[in-house]
Amino acid sequence: MRIDIWSDYVCPFCTLGERHLARALELAGREDVEIVWRSFQLDPDAPQESTGPALEYLTRVKGMSEEQVVAMNDGLAARAAEVGLEFNWRESQMVNTRDAHRIGILARENGRGAEWDERVKRAYFTEGGNIADHAQLRALAAEVGLDAREILADETVFAAEVDEDIALARQIGVQGVPFFVFDGKLAVSGAQPVEVFTQAMEQL
């Protein structure tokens, strides 16, 4: 079985959905699964340089009230904790994820897609890292056995592949992430519970 996953590194729902999928695969005893990680940017206009933590960014740039931001993210943090993710949203830096996705293509080509996805999301959600900063990205890449120096020195490297992933998402009607496609036949959208992923596999 092949599962294509469109996600963004700053999307807490993506991690929730991915953890639920992993649990469904574990319960089903499925080890014959190829996961293909695909790029998607929730906010392609997000700044390259950090403009402050999530609370400040969402209130100033997105026009949300402080009460809305706190309620939304506290709720997400509680849900994240249920699947073992520590979401320190007050420390998260709202930045552009394009360079991280370009390294994600390198990770995909080297069979390290899952490791890269997990490491970048932990850096963003738990450690308050700036996942657009090149020094931090090089260090994170090295941790999963990747050399990102050439990619970060030239913004055209793997840019076309990122754009192709995003264009394919639009072509098949993806409007938000996470988005899962099973064997190119069946789609599951959103951070669905374990049971939904189990049903999808049974249906196939």
N, C-alpha and C. Protein backbone atom coordinates (compact mmCIF):
# COMPACT_ATOMS: atom_id res chain seq x y z
N MET A 1 0.84 -1.19 0.00
CA MET A 1 0.00 0.00 0.00
C MET A 1 0.88 1.24 0.00
N ARG A 2 0.46 2.24 -0.76
CA ARG A 2 1.16 3.53 -0.79
C ARG A 2 0.21 4.61 -0.28
N ILE A 3 0.74 5.46 0.60
CA ILE A 3 -0.05 6.56 1.13
C ILE A 3 0.71 7.86 0.88
N ASP A 4 0.11 8.75 0.09
CA ASP A 4 0.67 10.08 -0.14
C ASP A 4 0.09 11.02 0.92
N ILE A 5 0.96 11.78 1.58
CA ILE A 5 0.52 12.69 2.64
C ILE A 5 0.96 14.11 2.30
N TRP A 6 -0.02 14.99 2.11
CA TRP A 6 0.27 16.41 1.97
C TRP A 6 0.17 17.04 3.36
N SER A 7 1.22 17.76 3.76
CA SER A 7 1.19 18.41 5.07
C SER A 7 2.12 19.61 5.08
N ASP A 8 2.00 20.42 6.11
CA ASP A 8 2.90 21.55 6.30
C ASP A 8 3.48 21.44 7.71
N TYR A 9 4.72 21.87 7.85
CA TYR A 9 5.43 21.67 9.11
C TYR A 9 4.88 22.50 10.26
N VAL A 10 4.12 23.54 9.96
CA VAL A 10 3.57 24.39 11.02
C VAL A 10 2.09 24.08 11.28
N CYS A 11 1.63 22.94 10.79
CA CYS A 11 0.22 22.56 10.91
C CYS A 11 0.05 21.53 12.02
N PRO A 12 -0.51 21.92 13.17
CA PRO A 12 -0.69 20.96 14.25
C PRO A 12 -1.66 19.84 13.89
N PHE A 13 -2.66 20.14 13.06
CA PHE A 13 -3.60 19.09 12.65
C PHE A 13 -2.90 18.01 11.85
N CYS A 14 -1.83 18.40 11.13
CA CYS A 14 -1.10 17.41 10.34
C CYS A 14 -0.46 16.36 11.25
N THR A 15 0.17 16.82 12.32
CA THR A 15 0.79 15.88 13.24
C THR A 15 -0.26 15.00 13.90
N LEU A 16 -1.40 15.58 14.27
CA LEU A 16 -2.47 14.78 14.86
C LEU A 16 -2.91 13.68 13.89
N GLY A 17 -3.18 14.07 12.65
CA GLY A 17 -3.62 13.09 11.66
C GLY A 17 -2.58 12.02 11.39
N GLU A 18 -1.31 12.44 11.31
CA GLU A 18 -0.25 11.48 11.03
C GLU A 18 -0.08 10.48 12.18
N ARG A 19 -0.23 10.97 13.41
CA ARG A 19 -0.13 10.06 14.56
C ARG A 19 -1.30 9.07 14.57
N HIS A 20 -2.49 9.55 14.19
CA HIS A 20 -3.65 8.66 14.13
C HIS A 20 -3.47 7.61 13.03
N LEU A 21 -2.92 8.02 11.89
CA LEU A 21 -2.65 7.07 10.81
C LEU A 21 -1.64 6.02 11.28
N ALA A 22 -0.58 6.46 11.94
CA ALA A 22 0.45 5.53 12.41
C ALA A 22 -0.15 4.50 13.36
N ARG A 23 -1.06 4.95 14.22
CA ARG A 23 -1.71 4.03 15.15
C ARG A 23 -2.59 3.04 14.41
N ALA A 24 -3.30 3.51 13.39
CA ALA A 24 -4.15 2.61 12.60
C ALA A 24 -3.31 1.56 11.88
N LEU A 25 -2.17 1.97 11.35
CA LEU A 25 -1.28 1.02 10.68
C LEU A 25 -0.73 0.01 11.67
N GLU A 26 -0.41 0.47 12.88
CA GLU A 26 0.10 -0.42 13.91
C GLU A 26 -0.95 -1.45 14.31
N LEU A 27 -2.18 -0.99 14.52
CA LEU A 27 -3.25 -1.90 14.91
C LEU A 27 -3.55 -2.92 13.83
N ALA A 28 -3.40 -2.51 12.57
CA ALA A 28 -3.69 -3.41 11.44
C ALA A 28 -2.51 -4.32 11.12
N GLY A 29 -1.37 -4.06 11.78
CA GLY A 29 -0.19 -4.86 11.50
C GLY A 29 0.36 -4.64 10.11
N ARG A 30 0.14 -3.45 9.57
CA ARG A 30 0.57 -3.15 8.21
C ARG A 30 2.00 -2.62 8.21
N GLU A 31 2.92 -3.41 7.69
CA GLU A 31 4.30 -2.99 7.56
C GLU A 31 4.69 -2.81 6.09
N ASP A 32 3.76 -3.15 5.21
CA ASP A 32 4.02 -3.09 3.76
C ASP A 32 3.51 -1.77 3.19
N VAL A 33 3.79 -0.68 3.86
CA VAL A 33 3.24 0.61 3.48
C VAL A 33 4.37 1.57 3.10
N GLU A 34 4.23 2.17 1.93
CA GLU A 34 5.16 3.21 1.49
C GLU A 34 4.49 4.56 1.73
N ILE A 35 5.14 5.40 2.54
CA ILE A 35 4.63 6.74 2.81
C ILE A 35 5.39 7.72 1.93
N VAL A 36 4.66 8.52 1.17
CA VAL A 36 5.27 9.55 0.33
C VAL A 36 4.86 10.91 0.88
N TRP A 37 5.83 11.65 1.40
CA TRP A 37 5.57 12.96 2.00
C TRP A 37 5.55 14.02 0.91
N ARG A 38 4.49 14.81 0.86
CA ARG A 38 4.35 15.83 -0.17
C ARG A 38 4.21 17.22 0.45
N SER A 39 4.72 18.19 -0.28
CA SER A 39 4.77 19.57 0.22
C SER A 39 3.44 20.28 0.09
N PHE A 40 3.17 21.14 1.06
CA PHE A 40 2.01 22.03 1.03
C PHE A 40 2.32 23.20 1.95
N GLN A 41 1.98 24.42 1.52
CA GLN A 41 2.19 25.59 2.36
C GLN A 41 0.87 26.24 2.73
N LEU A 42 0.57 26.25 4.00
CA LEU A 42 -0.65 26.89 4.47
C LEU A 42 -0.58 28.40 4.27
N ASP A 43 0.60 28.95 4.43
CA ASP A 43 0.78 30.40 4.29
C ASP A 43 2.06 30.68 3.51
N PRO A 44 1.99 30.61 2.17
CA PRO A 44 3.20 30.85 1.37
C PRO A 44 3.74 32.26 1.49
N ASP A 45 2.93 33.17 2.02
CA ASP A 45 3.39 34.55 2.19
C ASP A 45 3.98 34.82 3.57
N ALA A 46 4.08 33.81 4.39
CA ALA A 46 4.68 33.98 5.72
C ALA A 46 6.11 34.48 5.56
N PRO A 47 6.59 35.26 6.51
CA PRO A 47 7.93 35.85 6.38
C PRO A 47 9.06 34.84 6.51
N GLN A 48 10.17 35.13 5.87
CA GLN A 48 11.35 34.29 5.98
C GLN A 48 12.02 34.49 7.33
N GLU A 49 11.99 35.72 7.81
CA GLU A 49 12.56 36.03 9.12
C GLU A 49 11.45 36.02 10.17
N SER A 50 11.76 35.53 11.34
CA SER A 50 10.76 35.48 12.40
C SER A 50 10.32 36.89 12.79
N THR A 51 9.02 37.07 12.90
CA THR A 51 8.48 38.35 13.34
C THR A 51 7.87 38.24 14.73
N GLY A 52 8.23 37.19 15.43
CA GLY A 52 7.73 37.01 16.78
C GLY A 52 6.98 35.70 16.94
N PRO A 53 6.57 35.40 18.15
CA PRO A 53 5.87 34.16 18.42
C PRO A 53 4.46 34.14 17.83
N ALA A 54 3.84 32.97 17.90
CA ALA A 54 2.55 32.75 17.27
C ALA A 54 1.49 33.74 17.72
N LEU A 55 1.44 34.01 19.02
CA LEU A 55 0.41 34.90 19.55
C LEU A 55 0.50 36.28 18.89
N GLU A 56 1.70 36.82 18.84
CA GLU A 56 1.89 38.14 18.24
C GLU A 56 1.57 38.13 16.75
N TYR A 57 2.04 37.11 16.05
CA TYR A 57 1.84 37.03 14.60
C TYR A 57 0.35 36.91 14.24
N LEU A 58 -0.35 36.04 14.92
CA LEU A 58 -1.75 35.80 14.59
C LEU A 58 -2.65 36.99 14.94
N THR A 59 -2.29 37.71 15.97
CA THR A 59 -3.10 38.88 16.33
C THR A 59 -2.79 40.06 15.42
N ARG A 60 -1.52 40.24 15.09
CA ARG A 60 -1.13 41.40 14.29
C ARG A 60 -1.38 41.19 12.79
N VAL A 61 -0.98 40.03 12.27
CA VAL A 61 -1.03 39.79 10.83
C VAL A 61 -2.36 39.20 10.39
N LYS A 62 -2.89 38.28 11.17
CA LYS A 62 -4.11 37.58 10.78
C LYS A 62 -5.37 38.22 11.35
N GLY A 63 -5.20 39.21 12.22
CA GLY A 63 -6.36 39.94 12.73
C GLY A 63 -7.20 39.20 13.74
N MET A 64 -6.65 38.15 14.34
CA MET A 64 -7.39 37.41 15.35
C MET A 64 -7.23 38.10 16.70
N SER A 65 -8.23 37.95 17.56
CA SER A 65 -8.11 38.51 18.90
C SER A 65 -7.20 37.61 19.74
N GLU A 66 -6.63 38.18 20.79
CA GLU A 66 -5.77 37.39 21.66
C GLU A 66 -6.55 36.25 22.29
N GLU A 67 -7.80 36.49 22.64
CA GLU A 67 -8.63 35.45 23.24
C GLU A 67 -8.84 34.29 22.27
N GLN A 68 -9.07 34.62 20.99
CA GLN A 68 -9.26 33.58 19.98
C GLN A 68 -8.00 32.73 19.83
N VAL A 69 -6.86 33.39 19.75
CA VAL A 69 -5.60 32.68 19.56
C VAL A 69 -5.32 31.75 20.74
N VAL A 70 -5.51 32.27 21.95
CA VAL A 70 -5.24 31.47 23.15
C VAL A 70 -6.17 30.26 23.21
N ALA A 71 -7.45 30.48 22.99
CA ALA A 71 -8.42 29.38 23.06
C ALA A 71 -8.13 28.32 22.01
N MET A 72 -7.86 28.77 20.78
CA MET A 72 -7.59 27.83 19.68
C MET A 72 -6.35 26.99 19.96
N ASN A 73 -5.27 27.65 20.35
CA ASN A 73 -4.01 26.94 20.52
C ASN A 73 -3.96 26.12 21.81
N ASP A 74 -4.62 26.56 22.85
CA ASP A 74 -4.69 25.73 24.06
C ASP A 74 -5.46 24.44 23.76
N GLY A 75 -6.51 24.56 22.96
CA GLY A 75 -7.26 23.37 22.57
C GLY A 75 -6.43 22.42 21.73
N LEU A 76 -5.66 22.99 20.80
CA LEU A 76 -4.79 22.16 19.97
C LEU A 76 -3.69 21.50 20.80
N ALA A 77 -3.16 22.24 21.77
CA ALA A 77 -2.11 21.68 22.63
C ALA A 77 -2.63 20.48 23.41
N ALA A 78 -3.88 20.57 23.87
CA ALA A 78 -4.47 19.46 24.61
C ALA A 78 -4.65 18.24 23.72
N ARG A 79 -5.11 18.48 22.49
CA ARG A 79 -5.27 17.36 21.55
C ARG A 79 -3.92 16.77 21.17
N ALA A 80 -2.92 17.63 21.00
CA ALA A 80 -1.59 17.16 20.64
C ALA A 80 -1.01 16.27 21.75
N ALA A 81 -1.26 16.66 22.99
CA ALA A 81 -0.74 15.89 24.12
C ALA A 81 -1.31 14.47 24.12
N GLU A 82 -2.52 14.32 23.61
CA GLU A 82 -3.15 13.00 23.56
C GLU A 82 -2.40 12.03 22.66
N VAL A 83 -1.67 12.57 21.66
CA VAL A 83 -0.91 11.70 20.75
C VAL A 83 0.60 11.83 20.98
N GLY A 84 0.97 12.37 22.15
CA GLY A 84 2.38 12.42 22.51
C GLY A 84 3.17 13.57 21.95
N LEU A 85 2.50 14.63 21.50
CA LEU A 85 3.21 15.80 20.97
C LEU A 85 3.12 16.95 21.97
N GLU A 86 4.25 17.46 22.37
CA GLU A 86 4.29 18.62 23.25
C GLU A 86 4.23 19.88 22.39
N PHE A 87 3.14 20.62 22.47
CA PHE A 87 2.91 21.78 21.62
C PHE A 87 3.09 23.05 22.45
N ASN A 88 4.29 23.62 22.42
CA ASN A 88 4.57 24.87 23.14
C ASN A 88 4.28 26.04 22.20
N TRP A 89 3.02 26.25 21.92
CA TRP A 89 2.65 27.18 20.87
C TRP A 89 3.05 28.63 21.16
N ARG A 90 3.17 29.00 22.43
CA ARG A 90 3.56 30.37 22.76
C ARG A 90 5.00 30.67 22.35
N GLU A 91 5.79 29.63 22.14
CA GLU A 91 7.19 29.82 21.75
C GLU A 91 7.40 29.62 20.25
N SER A 92 6.41 29.11 19.54
CA SER A 92 6.59 28.80 18.13
C SER A 92 6.78 30.06 17.29
N GLN A 93 7.71 29.99 16.35
CA GLN A 93 8.04 31.11 15.47
C GLN A 93 7.31 30.95 14.14
N MET A 94 6.48 31.93 13.80
CA MET A 94 5.69 31.86 12.57
C MET A 94 6.54 32.31 11.39
N VAL A 95 7.01 31.36 10.59
CA VAL A 95 7.90 31.68 9.48
C VAL A 95 7.51 30.88 8.24
N ASN A 96 8.16 31.21 7.12
CA ASN A 96 7.90 30.54 5.86
C ASN A 96 8.51 29.13 5.86
N THR A 97 7.80 28.17 5.31
CA THR A 97 8.26 26.78 5.35
C THR A 97 8.83 26.27 4.03
N ARG A 98 8.98 27.15 3.04
CA ARG A 98 9.39 26.68 1.71
C ARG A 98 10.76 26.00 1.73
N ASP A 99 11.74 26.59 2.39
CA ASP A 99 13.06 25.97 2.43
C ASP A 99 13.03 24.62 3.14
N ALA A 100 12.23 24.53 4.20
CA ALA A 100 12.10 23.24 4.89
C ALA A 100 11.49 22.20 3.96
N HIS A 101 10.55 22.62 3.12
CA HIS A 101 9.96 21.69 2.16
C HIS A 101 10.96 21.27 1.08
N ARG A 102 11.83 22.20 0.69
CA ARG A 102 12.85 21.82 -0.31
C ARG A 102 13.77 20.75 0.27
N ILE A 103 14.14 20.89 1.53
CA ILE A 103 14.93 19.84 2.17
C ILE A 103 14.09 18.56 2.30
N GLY A 104 12.78 18.73 2.47
CA GLY A 104 11.89 17.58 2.53
C GLY A 104 11.93 16.74 1.27
N ILE A 105 12.12 17.39 0.13
CA ILE A 105 12.26 16.63 -1.13
C ILE A 105 13.53 15.79 -1.09
N LEU A 106 14.62 16.39 -0.60
CA LEU A 106 15.87 15.64 -0.45
C LEU A 106 15.66 14.45 0.48
N ALA A 107 14.95 14.68 1.58
CA ALA A 107 14.68 13.61 2.52
C ALA A 107 13.87 12.50 1.87
N ARG A 108 12.87 12.89 1.09
CA ARG A 108 12.03 11.91 0.39
C ARG A 108 12.86 11.06 -0.56
N GLU A 109 13.78 11.70 -1.29
CA GLU A 109 14.59 10.97 -2.27
C GLU A 109 15.60 10.04 -1.59
N ASN A 110 15.90 10.31 -0.33
CA ASN A 110 16.88 9.49 0.38
C ASN A 110 16.23 8.58 1.42
N GLY A 111 14.91 8.41 1.33
CA GLY A 111 14.23 7.53 2.25
C GLY A 111 14.19 8.02 3.68
N ARG A 112 14.29 9.35 3.88
CA ARG A 112 14.28 9.92 5.23
C ARG A 112 13.09 10.85 5.45
N GLY A 113 12.05 10.66 4.64
CA GLY A 113 10.91 11.56 4.72
C GLY A 113 10.27 11.61 6.09
N ALA A 114 10.04 10.44 6.69
CA ALA A 114 9.39 10.39 7.99
C ALA A 114 10.27 11.02 9.07
N GLU A 115 11.58 10.75 9.00
CA GLU A 115 12.50 11.29 10.00
C GLU A 115 12.57 12.82 9.91
N TRP A 116 12.61 13.33 8.69
CA TRP A 116 12.67 14.79 8.51
C TRP A 116 11.37 15.44 8.98
N ASP A 117 10.26 14.88 8.59
CA ASP A 117 8.97 15.45 8.99
C ASP A 117 8.87 15.51 10.52
N GLU A 118 9.23 14.42 11.18
CA GLU A 118 9.14 14.38 12.64
C GLU A 118 10.09 15.38 13.29
N ARG A 119 11.31 15.47 12.75
CA ARG A 119 12.31 16.35 13.38
C ARG A 119 11.96 17.83 13.22
N VAL A 120 11.51 18.22 12.04
CA VAL A 120 11.18 19.62 11.82
C VAL A 120 9.97 20.02 12.66
N LYS A 121 8.98 19.16 12.73
CA LYS A 121 7.79 19.48 13.51
C LYS A 121 8.11 19.55 15.00
N ARG A 122 9.01 18.71 15.48
CA ARG A 122 9.39 18.80 16.89
C ARG A 122 10.14 20.10 17.15
N ALA A 123 10.98 20.49 16.20
CA ALA A 123 11.71 21.75 16.34
C ALA A 123 10.73 22.93 16.41
N TYR A 124 9.71 22.88 15.56
CA TYR A 124 8.75 23.98 15.51
C TYR A 124 7.80 23.98 16.71
N PHE A 125 7.14 22.85 16.94
CA PHE A 125 6.09 22.79 17.95
C PHE A 125 6.62 22.76 19.38
N THR A 126 7.69 22.02 19.61
CA THR A 126 8.14 21.77 20.97
C THR A 126 9.31 22.66 21.39
N GLU A 127 10.23 22.91 20.46
CA GLU A 127 11.48 23.58 20.83
C GLU A 127 11.48 25.08 20.53
N GLY A 128 10.44 25.57 19.87
CA GLY A 128 10.40 26.99 19.55
C GLY A 128 11.43 27.40 18.53
N GLY A 129 11.83 26.47 17.67
CA GLY A 129 12.85 26.75 16.67
C GLY A 129 12.33 27.57 15.51
N ASN A 130 13.25 28.25 14.83
CA ASN A 130 12.93 29.00 13.61
C ASN A 130 13.24 28.10 12.43
N ILE A 131 12.24 27.46 11.86
CA ILE A 131 12.47 26.47 10.81
C ILE A 131 12.61 27.09 9.43
N ALA A 132 12.84 28.41 9.40
CA ALA A 132 13.22 29.07 8.16
C ALA A 132 14.68 29.50 8.21
N ASP A 133 15.26 29.49 9.39
CA ASP A 133 16.65 29.90 9.57
C ASP A 133 17.58 28.84 8.99
N HIS A 134 18.48 29.26 8.11
CA HIS A 134 19.32 28.29 7.40
C HIS A 134 20.26 27.54 8.32
N ALA A 135 20.80 28.20 9.31
CA ALA A 135 21.69 27.51 10.23
C ALA A 135 20.94 26.42 10.98
N GLN A 136 19.73 26.73 11.43
CA GLN A 136 18.94 25.72 12.13
C GLN A 136 18.53 24.59 11.20
N LEU A 137 18.17 24.92 9.97
CA LEU A 137 17.78 23.88 9.01
C LEU A 137 18.96 22.96 8.69
N ARG A 138 20.14 23.52 8.53
CA ARG A 138 21.32 22.68 8.27
C ARG A 138 21.55 21.72 9.44
N ALA A 139 21.40 22.23 10.66
CA ALA A 139 21.62 21.39 11.84
C ALA A 139 20.56 20.29 11.94
N LEU A 140 19.31 20.65 11.68
CA LEU A 140 18.24 19.66 11.74
C LEU A 140 18.44 18.58 10.67
N ALA A 141 18.84 19.01 9.48
CA ALA A 141 19.08 18.06 8.41
C ALA A 141 20.20 17.09 8.78
N ALA A 142 21.26 17.62 9.37
CA ALA A 142 22.39 16.77 9.76
C ALA A 142 21.96 15.73 10.78
N GLU A 143 21.03 16.08 11.64
CA GLU A 143 20.56 15.14 12.65
C GLU A 143 19.89 13.91 12.05
N VAL A 144 19.29 14.07 10.87
CA VAL A 144 18.64 12.92 10.23
C VAL A 144 19.48 12.39 9.06
N GLY A 145 20.75 12.78 9.03
CA GLY A 145 21.67 12.23 8.04
C GLY A 145 21.62 12.88 6.68
N LEU A 146 21.23 14.15 6.62
CA LEU A 146 21.14 14.86 5.34
C LEU A 146 22.07 16.05 5.33
N ASP A 147 22.60 16.37 4.14
CA ASP A 147 23.44 17.55 3.96
C ASP A 147 22.63 18.56 3.15
N ALA A 148 22.20 19.63 3.82
CA ALA A 148 21.32 20.62 3.18
C ALA A 148 22.07 21.85 2.69
N ARG A 149 23.38 21.84 2.72
CA ARG A 149 24.14 23.04 2.37
C ARG A 149 23.90 23.48 0.93
N GLU A 150 23.93 22.55 0.00
CA GLU A 150 23.76 22.90 -1.42
C GLU A 150 22.35 23.45 -1.67
N ILE A 151 21.37 22.85 -1.05
CA ILE A 151 19.98 23.29 -1.23
C ILE A 151 19.79 24.71 -0.71
N LEU A 152 20.31 24.98 0.46
CA LEU A 152 20.09 26.28 1.07
C LEU A 152 20.93 27.37 0.42
N ALA A 153 21.96 26.97 -0.31
CA ALA A 153 22.79 27.95 -1.01
C ALA A 153 22.17 28.38 -2.33
N ASP A 154 21.19 27.62 -2.80
CA ASP A 154 20.57 27.91 -4.10
C ASP A 154 19.07 27.66 -3.99
N GLU A 155 18.28 28.73 -4.00
CA GLU A 155 16.84 28.61 -3.78
C GLU A 155 16.10 27.90 -4.91
N THR A 156 16.79 27.61 -6.02
CA THR A 156 16.13 26.91 -7.13
C THR A 156 16.18 25.39 -6.96
N VAL A 157 17.07 24.90 -6.08
CA VAL A 157 17.21 23.46 -5.91
C VAL A 157 15.95 22.89 -5.26
N PHE A 158 15.33 21.95 -5.94
CA PHE A 158 14.09 21.28 -5.50
C PHE A 158 12.89 22.23 -5.41
N ALA A 159 13.04 23.44 -5.94
CA ALA A 159 11.90 24.37 -5.95
C ALA A 159 10.79 23.85 -6.86
N ALA A 160 11.17 23.31 -8.01
CA ALA A 160 10.18 22.79 -8.96
C ALA A 160 9.41 21.63 -8.36
N GLU A 161 10.10 20.78 -7.60
CA GLU A 161 9.44 19.62 -6.99
C GLU A 161 8.42 20.06 -5.93
N VAL A 162 8.77 21.08 -5.16
CA VAL A 162 7.82 21.61 -4.17
C VAL A 162 6.60 22.16 -4.89
N ASP A 163 6.84 22.93 -5.96
CA ASP A 163 5.73 23.52 -6.72
C ASP A 163 4.86 22.43 -7.35
N GLU A 164 5.48 21.35 -7.80
CA GLU A 164 4.72 20.25 -8.39
C GLU A 164 3.80 19.59 -7.36
N ASP A 165 4.30 19.39 -6.16
CA ASP A 165 3.48 18.82 -5.09
C ASP A 165 2.26 19.70 -4.82
N ILE A 166 2.50 21.01 -4.74
CA ILE A 166 1.41 21.94 -4.44
C ILE A 166 0.42 22.00 -5.59
N ALA A 167 0.94 21.98 -6.82
CA ALA A 167 0.06 22.00 -8.00
C ALA A 167 -0.78 20.73 -8.07
N LEU A 168 -0.18 19.58 -7.75
CA LEU A 168 -0.93 18.32 -7.75
C LEU A 168 -2.02 18.36 -6.69
N ALA A 169 -1.71 18.95 -5.55
CA ALA A 169 -2.72 19.08 -4.49
C ALA A 169 -3.92 19.87 -5.00
N ARG A 170 -3.65 20.98 -5.67
CA ARG A 170 -4.75 21.78 -6.22
C ARG A 170 -5.53 21.00 -7.26
N GLN A 171 -4.81 20.24 -8.07
CA GLN A 171 -5.44 19.48 -9.14
C GLN A 171 -6.43 18.45 -8.61
N ILE A 172 -6.11 17.84 -7.49
CA ILE A 172 -7.01 16.82 -6.95
C ILE A 172 -7.97 17.39 -5.91
N GLY A 173 -7.94 18.71 -5.75
CA GLY A 173 -8.93 19.37 -4.90
C GLY A 173 -8.58 19.53 -3.44
N VAL A 174 -7.29 19.45 -3.12
CA VAL A 174 -6.89 19.64 -1.73
C VAL A 174 -7.05 21.11 -1.35
N GLN A 175 -7.79 21.37 -0.29
CA GLN A 175 -7.99 22.75 0.17
C GLN A 175 -7.40 22.98 1.55
N GLY A 176 -6.98 21.92 2.18
CA GLY A 176 -6.36 22.02 3.50
C GLY A 176 -5.61 20.76 3.82
N VAL A 177 -4.77 20.83 4.80
CA VAL A 177 -3.98 19.66 5.19
C VAL A 177 -4.18 19.37 6.68
N PRO A 178 -3.97 18.10 7.05
CA PRO A 178 -3.37 17.02 6.28
C PRO A 178 -4.36 16.42 5.27
N PHE A 179 -3.79 15.84 4.23
CA PHE A 179 -4.60 15.19 3.20
C PHE A 179 -3.89 13.90 2.83
N PHE A 180 -4.60 12.79 2.91
CA PHE A 180 -4.02 11.47 2.70
C PHE A 180 -4.67 10.81 1.49
N VAL A 181 -3.87 10.24 0.61
CA VAL A 181 -4.40 9.50 -0.54
C VAL A 181 -3.85 8.09 -0.48
N PHE A 182 -4.77 7.11 -0.41
CA PHE A 182 -4.41 5.70 -0.30
C PHE A 182 -4.41 5.06 -1.68
N ASP A 183 -3.23 4.59 -2.09
CA ASP A 183 -3.08 3.90 -3.38
C ASP A 183 -3.66 4.68 -4.56
N GLY A 184 -3.68 5.98 -4.46
CA GLY A 184 -4.18 6.80 -5.55
C GLY A 184 -5.66 6.66 -5.79
N LYS A 185 -6.38 6.04 -4.84
CA LYS A 185 -7.80 5.73 -5.07
C LYS A 185 -8.74 6.35 -4.04
N LEU A 186 -8.29 6.45 -2.82
CA LEU A 186 -9.17 6.85 -1.73
C LEU A 186 -8.52 7.95 -0.91
N ALA A 187 -9.26 9.03 -0.69
CA ALA A 187 -8.69 10.18 0.03
C ALA A 187 -9.33 10.32 1.40
N VAL A 188 -8.52 10.76 2.35
CA VAL A 188 -8.99 11.10 3.70
C VAL A 188 -8.45 12.49 4.00
N SER A 189 -9.33 13.40 4.37
CA SER A 189 -8.94 14.77 4.62
C SER A 189 -9.06 15.11 6.10
N GLY A 190 -8.03 15.76 6.63
CA GLY A 190 -8.10 16.24 8.00
C GLY A 190 -7.52 15.28 9.03
N ALA A 191 -7.49 15.75 10.27
CA ALA A 191 -6.95 14.96 11.38
C ALA A 191 -8.04 14.01 11.89
N GLN A 192 -8.35 13.03 11.08
CA GLN A 192 -9.42 12.09 11.40
C GLN A 192 -8.98 11.12 12.51
N PRO A 193 -9.94 10.56 13.22
CA PRO A 193 -9.59 9.58 14.27
C PRO A 193 -9.06 8.28 13.66
N VAL A 194 -8.47 7.48 14.52
CA VAL A 194 -7.87 6.22 14.08
C VAL A 194 -8.86 5.37 13.30
N GLU A 195 -10.11 5.34 13.76
CA GLU A 195 -11.11 4.49 13.13
C GLU A 195 -11.33 4.82 11.66
N VAL A 196 -11.23 6.08 11.30
CA VAL A 196 -11.45 6.48 9.89
C VAL A 196 -10.34 5.92 9.01
N PHE A 197 -9.10 5.97 9.48
CA PHE A 197 -8.00 5.42 8.70
C PHE A 197 -8.11 3.89 8.60
N THR A 198 -8.57 3.28 9.67
CA THR A 198 -8.76 1.83 9.64
C THR A 198 -9.82 1.45 8.61
N GLN A 199 -10.91 2.20 8.58
CA GLN A 199 -11.97 1.95 7.60
C GLN A 199 -11.49 2.17 6.18
N ALA A 200 -10.64 3.16 5.99
CA ALA A 200 -10.11 3.43 4.65
C ALA A 200 -9.28 2.25 4.14
N MET A 201 -8.46 1.70 5.02
CA MET A 201 -7.65 0.54 4.62
C MET A 201 -8.51 -0.67 4.36
N GLU A 202 -9.52 -0.87 5.18
CA GLU A 202 -10.44 -1.99 4.98
C GLU A 202 -11.19 -1.85 3.66
N GLN A 203 -11.58 -0.61 3.34
CA GLN A 203 -12.31 -0.38 2.09
C GLN A 203 -11.43 -0.72 0.88
N LEU A 204 -10.17 -0.35 0.94
CA LEU A 204 -9.28 -0.69 -0.16
C LEU A 204 -9.10 -2.20 -0.29
